[in-house]
Amino acid sequence: MNDGAVVASPDRLLDLFHGVRLTPTQRRIAHCLVQHAGTVAYLSAAEVAELAGVSQPSVTRFAVALGHDGYPALRRRLRELTAADPDGRPDDGNELQLAVRAEMANLERLAGELADRDKIATAGRLLAASRPLPVLGLRAAAPLAAYFAYFAAKVLPDVRVLDDGGSLLTDRLEQAASAGADALLAFVLPRYPRETLDALRAARDAGLTVVAITDSPVSPATEYAALVLPAAVGTDLVFDLHTAPMTLAMVVLQAICDAAPLQTQRRLEAFESSAARRQLFLG
C-alpha cells in the first residue's frame, strides 16, 4: 500500500523501455525499476545498482541506452512520471477492494496487449505443433501449469507437466526433446525460482523453443525465451494474485485450438463421448 502517495505505475515505466534493445544486465535493471516503481525515482545510482545486483557503471550505461545523458537525467524523468501519473488517485475503498480493482486493471492491460493477435497466434502454432508439449511451472507457478495442462490434454495427445525441480527436471526436459518436443510453455512468476531459470536454460540448450508466460516484458525469463507473453501479477495482498497470468494461459490454449481446429474438434468429441459413457459429470 502507498498510504495515499502518488507513484509511477509499472506500465508507464515500461514505456521507457519500449523499442529499446537491452542487454541481459540492462533488462535486470529495468525489471528492478518496475518492481520498485513506488520508490525508484528517489534512489541513487548506487542504490539502484545494489537493488538490481549490478555495478554502478552498468546503471549509468543503462540510462544512456534509454537516451539520457546519465542516471541523474533518467531519475528526473522517473520523477516526472511520478508527478504526472494519471493512475495516481485517492484510495476509494478498503485494501481488499483495492486489490480486486488492481486485478481488474491488470486484466484491462492484458486486453490491450491482445489487440495484436499475431504474437498469440504464433505461440499457438508453436505449441500446437510440439509432440509432446512440456509445460513448466515451479513453486507458485505450479498450479497454473497444472490448470493449463488439464485442459490442454483434452486437445493435445501428449502434455507433460514439469512441476518438480531438482536434478530430474533436466532429465525430463531432455526426454521430452528426445521424444520429439520442439517447444516448451513455461510459467515464470515472482519470485523467479533459480531452478526455473536453470530449466529454461536447459530447455534452450536441448533445442526447445521457449514460450514464457511471465509478469513483465523485462522479467528474468526474457533472457531464455524466444517468445515472451506478459501478464501482470497482483501484489496488493500478502500473497500474489495470478488472475491475469491464468487468463493469459487460457488465451494461449485458445490459440492452440485455433492453430489445429480439426484435431481440436476430433479430440473434444472423443472426450465428450468417453465422459458420457463413463457418466463422469452430473451436468
Protein backbone atom coordinates (compact mmCIF):
# COMPACT_ATOMS: atom_id res chain seq x y z
CA MET A 1 0.00 0.00 0.00
CA ASN A 2 1.25 3.51 -0.72
CA ASP A 3 -0.56 5.45 2.06
CA GLY A 4 -2.11 7.80 -0.50
CA ALA A 5 1.19 8.75 -2.20
CA VAL A 6 1.22 9.06 -5.97
CA VAL A 7 3.64 6.61 -7.57
CA ALA A 8 4.61 5.87 -11.15
CA SER A 9 2.67 2.90 -12.48
CA PRO A 10 4.67 -0.06 -13.86
CA ASP A 11 3.04 0.46 -17.26
CA ARG A 12 4.40 4.00 -17.54
CA LEU A 13 7.86 2.77 -16.59
CA LEU A 14 7.66 0.02 -19.21
CA ASP A 15 7.00 2.70 -21.84
CA LEU A 16 10.55 3.95 -21.18
CA PHE A 17 11.98 0.64 -22.40
CA HIS A 18 9.65 0.10 -25.35
CA GLY A 19 11.59 -0.50 -28.56
CA VAL A 20 14.99 -0.36 -26.84
CA ARG A 21 17.24 -3.41 -27.24
CA LEU A 22 18.56 -4.07 -23.75
CA THR A 23 21.35 -6.40 -22.70
CA PRO A 24 20.59 -9.05 -20.03
CA THR A 25 22.17 -6.81 -17.39
CA GLN A 26 20.10 -3.85 -18.55
CA ARG A 27 16.92 -5.95 -18.51
CA ARG A 28 17.77 -6.78 -14.91
CA ILE A 29 17.95 -3.08 -14.08
CA ALA A 30 14.72 -2.39 -15.97
CA HIS A 31 12.98 -5.15 -14.04
CA CYS A 32 14.26 -3.66 -10.78
CA LEU A 33 12.80 -0.26 -11.70
CA VAL A 34 9.41 -1.83 -12.44
CA GLN A 35 9.43 -3.86 -9.22
CA HIS A 36 10.24 -0.75 -7.15
CA ALA A 37 8.07 1.69 -9.09
CA GLY A 38 6.94 3.43 -5.90
CA THR A 39 10.41 4.44 -4.71
CA VAL A 40 12.86 4.18 -7.59
CA ALA A 41 12.58 7.85 -8.60
CA TYR A 42 14.23 8.77 -5.30
CA LEU A 43 17.09 6.26 -5.31
CA SER A 44 20.70 6.99 -6.21
CA ALA A 45 22.53 5.09 -8.94
CA ALA A 46 24.41 3.18 -6.23
CA GLU A 47 21.14 2.17 -4.54
CA VAL A 48 19.62 1.01 -7.84
CA ALA A 49 22.79 -0.96 -8.56
CA GLU A 50 22.56 -2.65 -5.18
CA LEU A 51 18.89 -3.48 -5.63
CA ALA A 52 19.47 -4.92 -9.11
CA GLY A 53 22.67 -6.74 -8.18
CA VAL A 54 24.76 -4.96 -10.83
CA SER A 55 27.59 -2.43 -10.88
CA GLN A 56 27.01 1.32 -10.66
CA PRO A 57 28.57 1.89 -14.14
CA SER A 58 26.00 -0.59 -15.51
CA VAL A 59 23.23 1.68 -14.21
CA THR A 60 24.85 4.65 -15.93
CA ARG A 61 25.14 2.72 -19.22
CA PHE A 62 21.50 1.69 -18.85
CA ALA A 63 20.44 5.33 -18.56
CA VAL A 64 22.46 6.21 -21.66
CA ALA A 65 20.90 3.29 -23.57
CA LEU A 66 17.50 4.86 -22.86
CA GLY A 67 18.66 8.14 -24.41
CA HIS A 68 19.66 10.08 -21.30
CA ASP A 69 22.96 11.80 -20.51
CA GLY A 70 23.34 9.73 -17.37
CA TYR A 71 21.47 8.40 -14.37
CA PRO A 72 20.54 11.84 -12.92
CA ALA A 73 18.67 12.64 -16.15
CA LEU A 74 16.87 9.29 -16.03
CA ARG A 75 15.94 9.91 -12.39
CA ARG A 76 14.47 13.29 -13.33
CA ARG A 77 12.36 11.54 -15.95
CA LEU A 78 11.21 8.99 -13.38
CA ARG A 79 10.18 11.81 -11.07
CA GLU A 80 8.23 13.45 -13.89
CA LEU A 81 6.35 10.20 -14.38
CA THR A 82 5.65 10.09 -10.66
CA ALA A 83 4.26 13.61 -10.69
CA ALA A 84 2.22 13.15 -13.86
CA ASP A 85 0.94 9.61 -13.38
CA PRO A 86 -2.80 9.68 -14.22
CA ASP A 87 -3.32 6.43 -12.37
CA GLY A 88 -2.44 8.04 -9.07
CA ARG A 89 -5.75 8.68 -7.34
CA PRO A 90 -7.07 8.69 -3.79
CA ASP A 91 -7.94 5.33 -2.30
CA ASP A 92 -11.66 4.68 -2.81
CA GLY A 93 -12.15 1.52 -0.81
CA ASN A 94 -10.59 -0.81 1.70
CA GLU A 95 -7.45 -2.79 0.96
CA LEU A 96 -9.39 -5.83 -0.26
CA GLN A 97 -11.42 -3.77 -2.72
CA LEU A 98 -8.28 -2.04 -3.95
CA ALA A 99 -6.58 -5.38 -4.51
CA VAL A 100 -9.50 -6.59 -6.63
CA ARG A 101 -9.57 -3.32 -8.58
CA ALA A 102 -5.85 -3.67 -9.23
CA GLU A 103 -6.54 -7.11 -10.73
CA MET A 104 -9.24 -5.57 -12.92
CA ALA A 105 -6.63 -3.09 -14.14
CA ASN A 106 -4.21 -5.94 -14.83
CA LEU A 107 -6.86 -7.67 -16.93
CA GLU A 108 -7.58 -4.43 -18.77
CA ARG A 109 -3.88 -4.09 -19.64
CA LEU A 110 -3.84 -7.68 -20.82
CA ALA A 111 -6.85 -6.99 -23.03
CA GLY A 112 -4.95 -4.10 -24.57
CA GLU A 113 -1.95 -6.34 -25.29
CA LEU A 114 -4.22 -8.83 -27.06
CA ALA A 115 -5.21 -6.24 -29.66
CA ASP A 116 -2.21 -7.59 -31.59
CA ARG A 117 -3.21 -11.20 -32.18
CA ASP A 118 -0.11 -12.16 -34.17
CA LYS A 119 2.04 -12.85 -31.12
CA ILE A 120 -0.57 -15.11 -29.51
CA ALA A 121 -1.23 -16.85 -32.82
CA THR A 122 2.49 -17.53 -33.20
CA ALA A 123 2.59 -19.03 -29.71
CA GLY A 124 -0.42 -21.19 -30.53
CA ARG A 125 1.19 -22.58 -33.68
CA LEU A 126 4.49 -23.32 -31.93
CA LEU A 127 2.86 -25.11 -29.02
CA ALA A 128 0.24 -26.96 -31.07
CA ALA A 129 2.98 -28.48 -33.24
CA SER A 130 5.06 -29.79 -30.33
CA ARG A 131 4.72 -33.54 -29.68
CA PRO A 132 4.92 -33.89 -26.74
CA LEU A 133 4.25 -30.49 -25.19
CA PRO A 134 6.14 -29.96 -21.91
CA VAL A 135 4.64 -27.36 -19.56
CA LEU A 136 6.89 -25.94 -16.86
CA GLY A 137 5.76 -24.33 -13.62
CA LEU A 138 7.65 -24.50 -10.33
CA ARG A 139 6.65 -23.35 -6.85
CA ALA A 140 3.96 -20.64 -7.10
CA ALA A 141 3.64 -21.24 -10.85
CA ALA A 142 2.95 -24.98 -10.46
CA PRO A 143 -0.85 -24.62 -10.09
CA LEU A 144 -1.02 -22.55 -13.30
CA ALA A 145 0.95 -25.17 -15.21
CA ALA A 146 -1.35 -27.92 -13.89
CA TYR A 147 -4.51 -25.93 -14.69
CA PHE A 148 -3.35 -25.25 -18.25
CA ALA A 149 -2.24 -28.86 -18.77
CA TYR A 150 -5.55 -30.28 -17.50
CA PHE A 151 -7.45 -28.60 -20.33
CA ALA A 152 -4.66 -28.82 -22.92
CA ALA A 153 -4.67 -32.61 -22.53
CA LYS A 154 -8.20 -32.61 -23.96
CA VAL A 155 -7.00 -31.26 -27.30
CA LEU A 156 -3.34 -32.38 -27.46
CA PRO A 157 -2.18 -36.03 -27.44
CA ASP A 158 0.76 -35.68 -25.02
CA VAL A 159 1.05 -32.88 -22.45
CA ARG A 160 3.75 -33.26 -19.80
CA VAL A 161 3.63 -31.15 -16.64
CA LEU A 162 7.03 -30.32 -15.18
CA ASP A 163 6.30 -29.05 -11.69
CA ASP A 164 9.10 -30.62 -9.65
CA GLY A 165 12.57 -29.12 -9.50
CA GLY A 166 15.82 -30.84 -8.79
CA SER A 167 18.25 -32.75 -10.98
CA LEU A 168 15.49 -34.86 -12.56
CA LEU A 169 13.95 -31.79 -14.17
CA THR A 170 16.72 -31.51 -16.76
CA ASP A 171 16.35 -35.23 -17.44
CA ARG A 172 12.65 -34.78 -18.14
CA LEU A 173 13.30 -31.84 -20.44
CA GLU A 174 15.86 -33.83 -22.41
CA GLN A 175 13.49 -36.81 -22.55
CA ALA A 176 10.74 -34.61 -23.95
CA ALA A 177 13.12 -33.27 -26.60
CA SER A 178 14.23 -36.79 -27.50
CA ALA A 179 10.58 -37.83 -27.81
CA GLY A 180 10.02 -35.10 -30.42
CA ALA A 181 9.15 -31.96 -28.47
CA ASP A 182 10.32 -28.76 -30.09
CA ALA A 183 8.65 -26.18 -27.79
CA LEU A 184 8.16 -25.56 -24.07
CA LEU A 185 5.47 -23.48 -22.38
CA ALA A 186 6.89 -22.02 -19.16
CA PHE A 187 5.13 -20.12 -16.38
CA VAL A 188 7.73 -17.82 -14.81
CA LEU A 189 6.37 -15.77 -11.93
CA PRO A 190 7.84 -13.87 -8.98
CA ARG A 191 9.90 -14.66 -7.03
CA TYR A 192 11.52 -16.36 -10.03
CA PRO A 193 12.92 -19.61 -8.61
CA ARG A 194 16.52 -20.09 -9.66
CA GLU A 195 15.71 -23.64 -10.72
CA THR A 196 13.08 -22.29 -13.14
CA LEU A 197 15.68 -20.15 -14.92
CA ASP A 198 18.10 -23.09 -14.91
CA ALA A 199 15.37 -25.19 -16.53
CA LEU A 200 14.77 -22.54 -19.22
CA ARG A 201 18.48 -22.57 -20.00
CA ALA A 202 18.48 -26.38 -20.18
CA ALA A 203 15.40 -26.33 -22.42
CA ARG A 204 17.03 -23.88 -24.80
CA ASP A 205 20.21 -25.96 -24.85
CA ALA A 206 18.11 -29.04 -25.66
CA GLY A 207 16.76 -27.27 -28.73
CA LEU A 208 13.32 -26.37 -27.38
CA THR A 209 11.71 -23.07 -28.31
CA VAL A 210 10.65 -21.46 -25.04
CA VAL A 211 7.33 -19.62 -24.81
CA ALA A 212 7.12 -17.88 -21.43
CA ILE A 213 4.08 -16.51 -19.64
CA THR A 214 5.59 -14.11 -17.13
CA ASP A 215 4.70 -10.98 -15.22
CA SER A 216 6.69 -8.39 -17.17
CA PRO A 217 8.39 -7.82 -20.54
CA VAL A 218 11.63 -7.34 -18.60
CA SER A 219 11.34 -10.37 -16.29
CA PRO A 220 14.35 -12.74 -16.00
CA ALA A 221 12.58 -15.14 -18.39
CA THR A 222 13.33 -12.84 -21.33
CA GLU A 223 16.94 -13.99 -21.37
CA TYR A 224 15.93 -17.53 -22.37
CA ALA A 225 12.51 -17.27 -24.02
CA ALA A 226 12.03 -16.91 -27.76
CA LEU A 227 8.53 -15.57 -27.14
CA VAL A 228 7.53 -13.63 -24.00
CA LEU A 229 3.85 -13.19 -23.13
CA PRO A 230 3.47 -10.73 -20.20
CA ALA A 231 0.58 -10.61 -17.75
CA ALA A 232 0.93 -8.59 -14.57
CA VAL A 233 0.79 -10.18 -11.13
CA GLY A 234 -1.21 -8.56 -8.34
CA THR A 235 0.88 -7.55 -5.34
CA ASP A 236 -1.59 -5.80 -3.03
CA LEU A 237 -2.25 -8.72 -0.66
CA VAL A 238 0.08 -10.82 1.47
CA PHE A 239 0.49 -13.29 -1.40
CA ASP A 240 0.47 -12.57 -5.13
CA LEU A 241 -2.66 -12.76 -7.26
CA HIS A 242 -2.31 -14.54 -10.61
CA THR A 243 -5.58 -13.55 -12.26
CA ALA A 244 -4.05 -12.11 -15.44
CA PRO A 245 -1.47 -14.92 -15.96
CA MET A 246 -4.25 -17.51 -15.51
CA THR A 247 -6.39 -15.69 -18.07
CA LEU A 248 -3.48 -15.48 -20.48
CA ALA A 249 -2.90 -19.23 -20.10
CA MET A 250 -6.42 -19.89 -21.34
CA VAL A 251 -5.95 -17.39 -24.18
CA VAL A 252 -2.85 -19.33 -25.24
CA LEU A 253 -4.83 -22.58 -25.12
CA GLN A 254 -7.46 -20.97 -27.34
CA ALA A 255 -4.68 -20.07 -29.80
CA ILE A 256 -3.53 -23.70 -29.75
CA CYS A 257 -7.08 -24.82 -30.59
CA ASP A 258 -7.29 -22.23 -33.37
CA ALA A 259 -3.99 -23.47 -34.82
CA ALA A 260 -5.33 -27.03 -35.19
CA PRO A 261 -9.14 -26.79 -35.41
CA LEU A 262 -9.82 -30.22 -36.91
CA GLN A 263 -7.69 -32.02 -34.35
CA THR A 264 -9.28 -29.97 -31.58
CA GLN A 265 -12.80 -30.85 -32.68
CA ARG A 266 -11.98 -34.53 -33.09
CA ARG A 267 -10.36 -34.86 -29.69
CA LEU A 268 -13.08 -32.88 -27.90
CA GLU A 269 -15.79 -35.05 -29.43
CA ALA A 270 -13.88 -38.18 -28.38
CA PHE A 271 -13.59 -36.88 -24.82
CA GLU A 272 -17.27 -35.98 -24.60
CA SER A 273 -18.23 -39.43 -25.87
CA SER A 274 -15.97 -41.07 -23.29
CA ALA A 275 -17.24 -38.83 -20.49
CA ALA A 276 -20.87 -39.64 -21.34
CA ARG A 277 -20.15 -43.36 -21.47
CA ARG A 278 -18.48 -43.27 -18.06
CA GLN A 279 -21.03 -40.80 -16.62
CA LEU A 280 -18.24 -38.55 -15.35
CA PHE A 281 -20.34 -35.45 -14.79
CA LEU A 282 -23.75 -34.69 -13.31
CA GLY A 283 -24.43 -31.80 -15.66
